[in-house]
Amino acid sequence: MTIDKIKEELNDHIGKNVTIKYNLGRNKYEKYDVKIKELYNNIFLVENSISKQIKSFSYSDVITKVIKIDF
């Protein structure tokens, strides 16, 4: 999977709700139900719909499987 392909998939889901599973290591995960907010060259922003908290992730996080996005 390439960065361009990830950007393309995320661009198709801007404004839609997705689930992000963040790998903390040692079989620990955090799960976020978020809305994809904006895409930039190296990162993308997501917003938690309940707390309105904004988080950023890099496209390389998806490639290295630090995060998993379920559309």
PDB file of N, CA and C in Angstrom:
ATOM      1  N   MET A   1       0.849  -1.181   0.000  1.00  0.00           N
ATOM      2  CA  MET A   1       0.000   0.000   0.000  1.00  0.00           C
ATOM      3  C   MET A   1       0.892   1.241   0.000  1.00  0.00           C
ATOM      4  N   THR A   2       0.561   2.190  -0.856  1.00  0.00           N
ATOM      5  CA  THR A   2       1.366   3.401  -0.965  1.00  0.00           C
ATOM      6  C   THR A   2       0.645   4.583  -0.315  1.00  0.00           C
ATOM      7  N   ILE A   3       1.404   5.628  -0.080  1.00  0.00           N
ATOM      8  CA  ILE A   3       0.841   6.837   0.533  1.00  0.00           C
ATOM      9  C   ILE A   3      -0.236   7.436  -0.375  1.00  0.00           C
ATOM     10  N   ASP A   4      -0.006   7.430  -1.682  1.00  0.00           N
ATOM     11  CA  ASP A   4      -0.999   7.980  -2.608  1.00  0.00           C
ATOM     12  C   ASP A   4      -2.312   7.210  -2.552  1.00  0.00           C
ATOM     13  N   LYS A   5      -2.225   5.892  -2.426  1.00  0.00           N
ATOM     14  CA  LYS A   5      -3.443   5.080  -2.345  1.00  0.00           C
ATOM     15  C   LYS A   5      -4.190   5.365  -1.034  1.00  0.00           C
ATOM     16  N   ILE A   6      -3.441   5.533   0.057  1.00  0.00           N
ATOM     17  CA  ILE A   6      -4.063   5.851   1.347  1.00  0.00           C
ATOM     18  C   ILE A   6      -4.751   7.208   1.275  1.00  0.00           C
ATOM     19  N   LYS A   7      -4.076   8.200   0.695  1.00  0.00           N
ATOM     20  CA  LYS A   7      -4.679   9.529   0.542  1.00  0.00           C
ATOM     21  C   LYS A   7      -5.966   9.451  -0.273  1.00  0.00           C
ATOM     22  N   GLU A   8      -5.934   8.660  -1.338  1.00  0.00           N
ATOM     23  CA  GLU A   8      -7.106   8.519  -2.198  1.00  0.00           C
ATOM     24  C   GLU A   8      -8.278   7.909  -1.443  1.00  0.00           C
ATOM     25  N   GLU A   9      -8.008   6.860  -0.662  1.00  0.00           N
ATOM     26  CA  GLU A   9      -9.074   6.228   0.132  1.00  0.00           C
ATOM     27  C   GLU A   9      -9.621   7.182   1.178  1.00  0.00           C
ATOM     28  N   LEU A  10      -8.729   7.894   1.866  1.00  0.00           N
ATOM     29  CA  LEU A  10      -9.178   8.828   2.894  1.00  0.00           C
ATOM     30  C   LEU A  10      -9.957   9.985   2.275  1.00  0.00           C
ATOM     31  N   ASN A  11      -9.538  10.434   1.107  1.00  0.00           N
ATOM     32  CA  ASN A  11     -10.231  11.527   0.429  1.00  0.00           C
ATOM     33  C   ASN A  11     -11.676  11.141   0.102  1.00  0.00           C
ATOM     34  N   ASP A  12     -11.897   9.874  -0.209  1.00  0.00           N
ATOM     35  CA  ASP A  12     -13.252   9.395  -0.486  1.00  0.00           C
ATOM     36  C   ASP A  12     -14.131   9.386   0.765  1.00  0.00           C
ATOM     37  N   HIS A  13     -13.513   9.423   1.941  1.00  0.00           N
ATOM     38  CA  HIS A  13     -14.264   9.323   3.195  1.00  0.00           C
ATOM     39  C   HIS A  13     -14.203  10.592   4.044  1.00  0.00           C
ATOM     40  N   ILE A  14     -13.785  11.720   3.474  1.00  0.00           N
ATOM     41  CA  ILE A  14     -13.768  12.984   4.231  1.00  0.00           C
ATOM     42  C   ILE A  14     -15.191  13.317   4.666  1.00  0.00           C
ATOM     43  N   GLY A  15     -15.341  13.644   5.949  1.00  0.00           N
ATOM     44  CA  GLY A  15     -16.641  13.993   6.499  1.00  0.00           C
ATOM     45  C   GLY A  15     -17.462  12.800   6.946  1.00  0.00           C
ATOM     46  N   LYS A  16     -16.956  11.594   6.719  1.00  0.00           N
ATOM     47  CA  LYS A  16     -17.684  10.391   7.119  1.00  0.00           C
ATOM     48  C   LYS A  16     -17.084   9.807   8.390  1.00  0.00           C
ATOM     49  N   ASN A  17     -17.892   9.055   9.097  1.00  0.00           N
ATOM     50  CA  ASN A  17     -17.431   8.425  10.334  1.00  0.00           C
ATOM     51  C   ASN A  17     -16.665   7.151  10.035  1.00  0.00           C
ATOM     52  N   VAL A  18     -15.528   6.983  10.710  1.00  0.00           N
ATOM     53  CA  VAL A  18     -14.697   5.787  10.589  1.00  0.00           C
ATOM     54  C   VAL A  18     -14.249   5.373  11.990  1.00  0.00           C
ATOM     55  N   THR A  19     -13.723   4.173  12.099  1.00  0.00           N
ATOM     56  CA  THR A  19     -13.168   3.690  13.362  1.00  0.00           C
ATOM     57  C   THR A  19     -11.675   3.513  13.178  1.00  0.00           C
ATOM     58  N   ILE A  20     -10.907   4.101  14.098  1.00  0.00           N
ATOM     59  CA  ILE A  20      -9.455   3.972  14.078  1.00  0.00           C
ATOM     60  C   ILE A  20      -9.030   3.172  15.292  1.00  0.00           C
ATOM     61  N   LYS A  21      -8.242   2.150  15.044  1.00  0.00           N
ATOM     62  CA  LYS A  21      -7.701   1.324  16.108  1.00  0.00           C
ATOM     63  C   LYS A  21      -6.198   1.623  16.185  1.00  0.00           C
ATOM     64  N   TYR A  22      -5.744   2.188  17.299  1.00  0.00           N
ATOM     65  CA  TYR A  22      -4.367   2.647  17.472  1.00  0.00           C
ATOM     66  C   TYR A  22      -3.598   1.637  18.317  1.00  0.00           C
ATOM     67  N   ASN A  23      -2.515   1.094  17.774  1.00  0.00           N
ATOM     68  CA  ASN A  23      -1.711   0.077  18.447  1.00  0.00           C
ATOM     69  C   ASN A  23      -0.717   0.752  19.392  1.00  0.00           C
ATOM     70  N   LEU A  24      -0.882   0.524  20.689  1.00  0.00           N
ATOM     71  CA  LEU A  24       0.012   1.093  21.689  1.00  0.00           C
ATOM     72  C   LEU A  24       1.191   0.171  22.003  1.00  0.00           C
ATOM     73  N   GLY A  25       1.176  -1.037  21.461  1.00  0.00           N
ATOM     74  CA  GLY A  25       2.224  -2.016  21.733  1.00  0.00           C
ATOM     75  C   GLY A  25       1.798  -2.952  22.842  1.00  0.00           C
ATOM     76  N   ARG A  26       2.459  -4.083  22.914  1.00  0.00           N
ATOM     77  CA  ARG A  26       2.172  -5.094  23.926  1.00  0.00           C
ATOM     78  C   ARG A  26       0.695  -5.451  24.007  1.00  0.00           C
ATOM     79  N   ASN A  27       0.092  -5.622  22.838  1.00  0.00           N
ATOM     80  CA  ASN A  27      -1.318  -6.010  22.720  1.00  0.00           C
ATOM     81  C   ASN A  27      -2.279  -5.024  23.373  1.00  0.00           C
ATOM     82  N   LYS A  28      -1.910  -3.753  23.397  1.00  0.00           N
ATOM     83  CA  LYS A  28      -2.793  -2.713  23.918  1.00  0.00           C
ATOM     84  C   LYS A  28      -3.233  -1.839  22.754  1.00  0.00           C
ATOM     85  N   TYR A  29      -4.524  -1.548  22.715  1.00  0.00           N
ATOM     86  CA  TYR A  29      -5.096  -0.758  21.639  1.00  0.00           C
ATOM     87  C   TYR A  29      -6.004   0.329  22.208  1.00  0.00           C
ATOM     88  N   GLU A  30      -6.090   1.445  21.484  1.00  0.00           N
ATOM     89  CA  GLU A  30      -7.100   2.465  21.743  1.00  0.00           C
ATOM     90  C   GLU A  30      -7.977   2.511  20.509  1.00  0.00           C
ATOM     91  N   LYS A  31      -9.261   2.634  20.734  1.00  0.00           N
ATOM     92  CA  LYS A  31     -10.217   2.645  19.629  1.00  0.00           C
ATOM     93  C   LYS A  31     -10.918   3.998  19.607  1.00  0.00           C
ATOM     94  N   TYR A  32     -10.954   4.621  18.449  1.00  0.00           N
ATOM     95  CA  TYR A  32     -11.590   5.921  18.285  1.00  0.00           C
ATOM     96  C   TYR A  32     -12.658   5.838  17.207  1.00  0.00           C
ATOM     97  N   ASP A  33     -13.841   6.358  17.503  1.00  0.00           N
ATOM     98  CA  ASP A  33     -14.871   6.558  16.486  1.00  0.00           C
ATOM     99  C   ASP A  33     -14.799   8.027  16.115  1.00  0.00           C
ATOM    100  N   VAL A  34     -14.314   8.300  14.913  1.00  0.00           N
ATOM    101  CA  VAL A  34     -13.995   9.669  14.515  1.00  0.00           C
ATOM    102  C   VAL A  34     -14.548   9.972  13.128  1.00  0.00           C
ATOM    103  N   LYS A  35     -14.451  11.248  12.771  1.00  0.00           N
ATOM    104  CA  LYS A  35     -14.816  11.724  11.442  1.00  0.00           C
ATOM    105  C   LYS A  35     -13.539  12.282  10.813  1.00  0.00           C
ATOM    106  N   ILE A  36     -13.250  11.896   9.580  1.00  0.00           N
ATOM    107  CA  ILE A  36     -12.067  12.411   8.896  1.00  0.00           C
ATOM    108  C   ILE A  36     -12.309  13.866   8.545  1.00  0.00           C
ATOM    109  N   LYS A  37     -11.428  14.729   9.025  1.00  0.00           N
ATOM    110  CA  LYS A  37     -11.626  16.163   8.896  1.00  0.00           C
ATOM    111  C   LYS A  37     -10.875  16.765   7.708  1.00  0.00           C
ATOM    112  N   GLU A  38      -9.536  16.630   7.691  1.00  0.00           N
ATOM    113  CA  GLU A  38      -8.729  17.245   6.639  1.00  0.00           C
ATOM    114  C   GLU A  38      -7.546  16.361   6.287  1.00  0.00           C
ATOM    115  N   LEU A  39      -7.071  16.493   5.047  1.00  0.00           N
ATOM    116  CA  LEU A  39      -5.888  15.780   4.578  1.00  0.00           C
ATOM    117  C   LEU A  39      -4.807  16.796   4.239  1.00  0.00           C
ATOM    118  N   TYR A  40      -3.591  16.510   4.634  1.00  0.00           N
ATOM    119  CA  TYR A  40      -2.437  17.333   4.307  1.00  0.00           C
ATOM    120  C   TYR A  40      -1.388  16.449   3.642  1.00  0.00           C
ATOM    121  N   ASN A  41      -0.238  17.030   3.289  1.00  0.00           N
ATOM    122  CA  ASN A  41       0.803  16.270   2.590  1.00  0.00           C
ATOM    123  C   ASN A  41       1.303  15.079   3.391  1.00  0.00           C
ATOM    124  N   ASN A  42       1.545  15.252   4.686  1.00  0.00           N
ATOM    125  CA  ASN A  42       2.146  14.184   5.482  1.00  0.00           C
ATOM    126  C   ASN A  42       1.247  13.631   6.578  1.00  0.00           C
ATOM    127  N   ILE A  43       0.185  14.331   6.903  1.00  0.00           N
ATOM    128  CA  ILE A  43      -0.706  13.909   7.990  1.00  0.00           C
ATOM    129  C   ILE A  43      -2.155  14.079   7.578  1.00  0.00           C
ATOM    130  N   PHE A  44      -3.043  13.468   8.374  1.00  0.00           N
ATOM    131  CA  PHE A  44      -4.468  13.718   8.217  1.00  0.00           C
ATOM    132  C   PHE A  44      -5.056  13.941   9.603  1.00  0.00           C
ATOM    133  N   LEU A  45      -6.113  14.729   9.662  1.00  0.00           N
ATOM    134  CA  LEU A  45      -6.757  15.082  10.921  1.00  0.00           C
ATOM    135  C   LEU A  45      -8.093  14.370  11.036  1.00  0.00           C
ATOM    136  N   VAL A  46      -8.378  13.922  12.260  1.00  0.00           N
ATOM    137  CA  VAL A  46      -9.669  13.318  12.558  1.00  0.00           C
ATOM    138  C   VAL A  46     -10.254  14.022  13.776  1.00  0.00           C
ATOM    139  N   GLU A  47     -11.574  14.043  13.857  1.00  0.00           N
ATOM    140  CA  GLU A  47     -12.253  14.706  14.964  1.00  0.00           C
ATOM    141  C   GLU A  47     -13.182  13.720  15.658  1.00  0.00           C
ATOM    142  N   ASN A  48     -13.053  13.656  16.977  1.00  0.00           N
ATOM    143  CA  ASN A  48     -13.943  12.830  17.778  1.00  0.00           C
ATOM    144  C   ASN A  48     -15.301  13.524  17.815  1.00  0.00           C
ATOM    145  N   SER A  49     -16.343  12.817  17.438  1.00  0.00           N
ATOM    146  CA  SER A  49     -17.662  13.437  17.327  1.00  0.00           C
ATOM    147  C   SER A  49     -18.270  13.785  18.680  1.00  0.00           C
ATOM    148  N   ILE A  50     -17.854  13.118  19.737  1.00  0.00           N
ATOM    149  CA  ILE A  50     -18.427  13.383  21.062  1.00  0.00           C
ATOM    150  C   ILE A  50     -17.708  14.535  21.758  1.00  0.00           C
ATOM    151  N   SER A  51     -16.394  14.442  21.881  1.00  0.00           N
ATOM    152  CA  SER A  51     -15.639  15.449  22.636  1.00  0.00           C
ATOM    153  C   SER A  51     -15.091  16.569  21.754  1.00  0.00           C
ATOM    154  N   LYS A  52     -15.246  16.459  20.442  1.00  0.00           N
ATOM    155  CA  LYS A  52     -14.738  17.435  19.471  1.00  0.00           C
ATOM    156  C   LYS A  52     -13.219  17.580  19.536  1.00  0.00           C
ATOM    157  N   GLN A  53     -12.548  16.571  20.061  1.00  0.00           N
ATOM    158  CA  GLN A  53     -11.091  16.568  20.141  1.00  0.00           C
ATOM    159  C   GLN A  53     -10.528  16.187  18.774  1.00  0.00           C
ATOM    160  N   ILE A  54      -9.487  16.905  18.329  1.00  0.00           N
ATOM    161  CA  ILE A  54      -8.875  16.647  17.031  1.00  0.00           C
ATOM    162  C   ILE A  54      -7.539  15.939  17.250  1.00  0.00           C
ATOM    163  N   LYS A  55      -7.318  14.869  16.492  1.00  0.00           N
ATOM    164  CA  LYS A  55      -6.065  14.119  16.543  1.00  0.00           C
ATOM    165  C   LYS A  55      -5.480  14.073  15.144  1.00  0.00           C
ATOM    166  N   SER A  56      -4.160  13.954  15.083  1.00  0.00           N
ATOM    167  CA  SER A  56      -3.507  13.842  13.783  1.00  0.00           C
ATOM    168  C   SER A  56      -2.739  12.529  13.711  1.00  0.00           C
ATOM    169  N   PHE A  57      -2.712  11.965  12.529  1.00  0.00           N
ATOM    170  CA  PHE A  57      -1.982  10.731  12.257  1.00  0.00           C
ATOM    171  C   PHE A  57      -1.243  10.908  10.934  1.00  0.00           C
ATOM    172  N   SER A  58      -0.141  10.205  10.778  1.00  0.00           N
ATOM    173  CA  SER A  58       0.586  10.265   9.514  1.00  0.00           C
ATOM    174  C   SER A  58       0.173   9.083   8.637  1.00  0.00           C
ATOM    175  N   TYR A  59       0.397   9.243   7.361  1.00  0.00           N
ATOM    176  CA  TYR A  59       0.082   8.169   6.420  1.00  0.00           C
ATOM    177  C   TYR A  59       1.000   6.971   6.663  1.00  0.00           C
ATOM    178  N   SER A  60       2.205   7.237   7.130  1.00  0.00           N
ATOM    179  CA  SER A  60       3.132   6.134   7.416  1.00  0.00           C
ATOM    180  C   SER A  60       2.650   5.291   8.593  1.00  0.00           C
ATOM    181  N   ASP A  61       1.833   5.874   9.483  1.00  0.00           N
ATOM    182  CA  ASP A  61       1.232   5.087  10.564  1.00  0.00           C
ATOM    183  C   ASP A  61       0.334   3.990   9.995  1.00  0.00           C
ATOM    184  N   VAL A  62      -0.341   4.282   8.905  1.00  0.00           N
ATOM    185  CA  VAL A  62      -1.209   3.294   8.269  1.00  0.00           C
ATOM    186  C   VAL A  62      -0.358   2.212   7.596  1.00  0.00           C
ATOM    187  N   ILE A  63       0.706   2.635   6.915  1.00  0.00           N
ATOM    188  CA  ILE A  63       1.570   1.683   6.210  1.00  0.00           C
ATOM    189  C   ILE A  63       2.254   0.732   7.191  1.00  0.00           C
ATOM    190  N   THR A  64       2.744   1.273   8.315  1.00  0.00           N
ATOM    191  CA  THR A  64       3.455   0.452   9.299  1.00  0.00           C
ATOM    192  C   THR A  64       2.509  -0.247  10.268  1.00  0.00           C
ATOM    193  N   LYS A  65       1.210  -0.091  10.049  1.00  0.00           N
ATOM    194  CA  LYS A  65       0.161  -0.746  10.836  1.00  0.00           C
ATOM    195  C   LYS A  65       0.154  -0.328  12.306  1.00  0.00           C
ATOM    196  N   VAL A  66       0.591   0.909  12.588  1.00  0.00           N
ATOM    197  CA  VAL A  66       0.436   1.471  13.921  1.00  0.00           C
ATOM    198  C   VAL A  66      -1.038   1.790  14.146  1.00  0.00           C
ATOM    199  N   ILE A  67      -1.724   2.202  13.078  1.00  0.00           N
ATOM    200  CA  ILE A  67      -3.166   2.402  13.160  1.00  0.00           C
ATOM    201  C   ILE A  67      -3.841   1.581  12.066  1.00  0.00           C
ATOM    202  N   LYS A  68      -5.071   1.209  12.346  1.00  0.00           N
ATOM    203  CA  LYS A  68      -5.896   0.497  11.380  1.00  0.00           C
ATOM    204  C   LYS A  68      -7.194   1.275  11.249  1.00  0.00           C
ATOM    205  N   ILE A  69      -7.593   1.547  10.011  1.00  0.00           N
ATOM    206  CA  ILE A  69      -8.806   2.325   9.757  1.00  0.00           C
ATOM    207  C   ILE A  69      -9.866   1.403   9.184  1.00  0.00           C
ATOM    208  N   ASP A  70     -11.034   1.398   9.832  1.00  0.00           N
ATOM    209  CA  ASP A  70     -12.176   0.633   9.338  1.00  0.00           C
ATOM    210  C   ASP A  70     -13.212   1.617   8.807  1.00  0.00           C
ATOM    211  N   PHE A  71     -13.443   1.553   7.497  1.00  0.00           N
ATOM    212  CA  PHE A  71     -14.395   2.467   6.858  1.00  0.00           C
ATOM    213  C   PHE A  71     -15.796   1.958   6.995  1.00  0.00           C
TER     214      PHE A  71
END
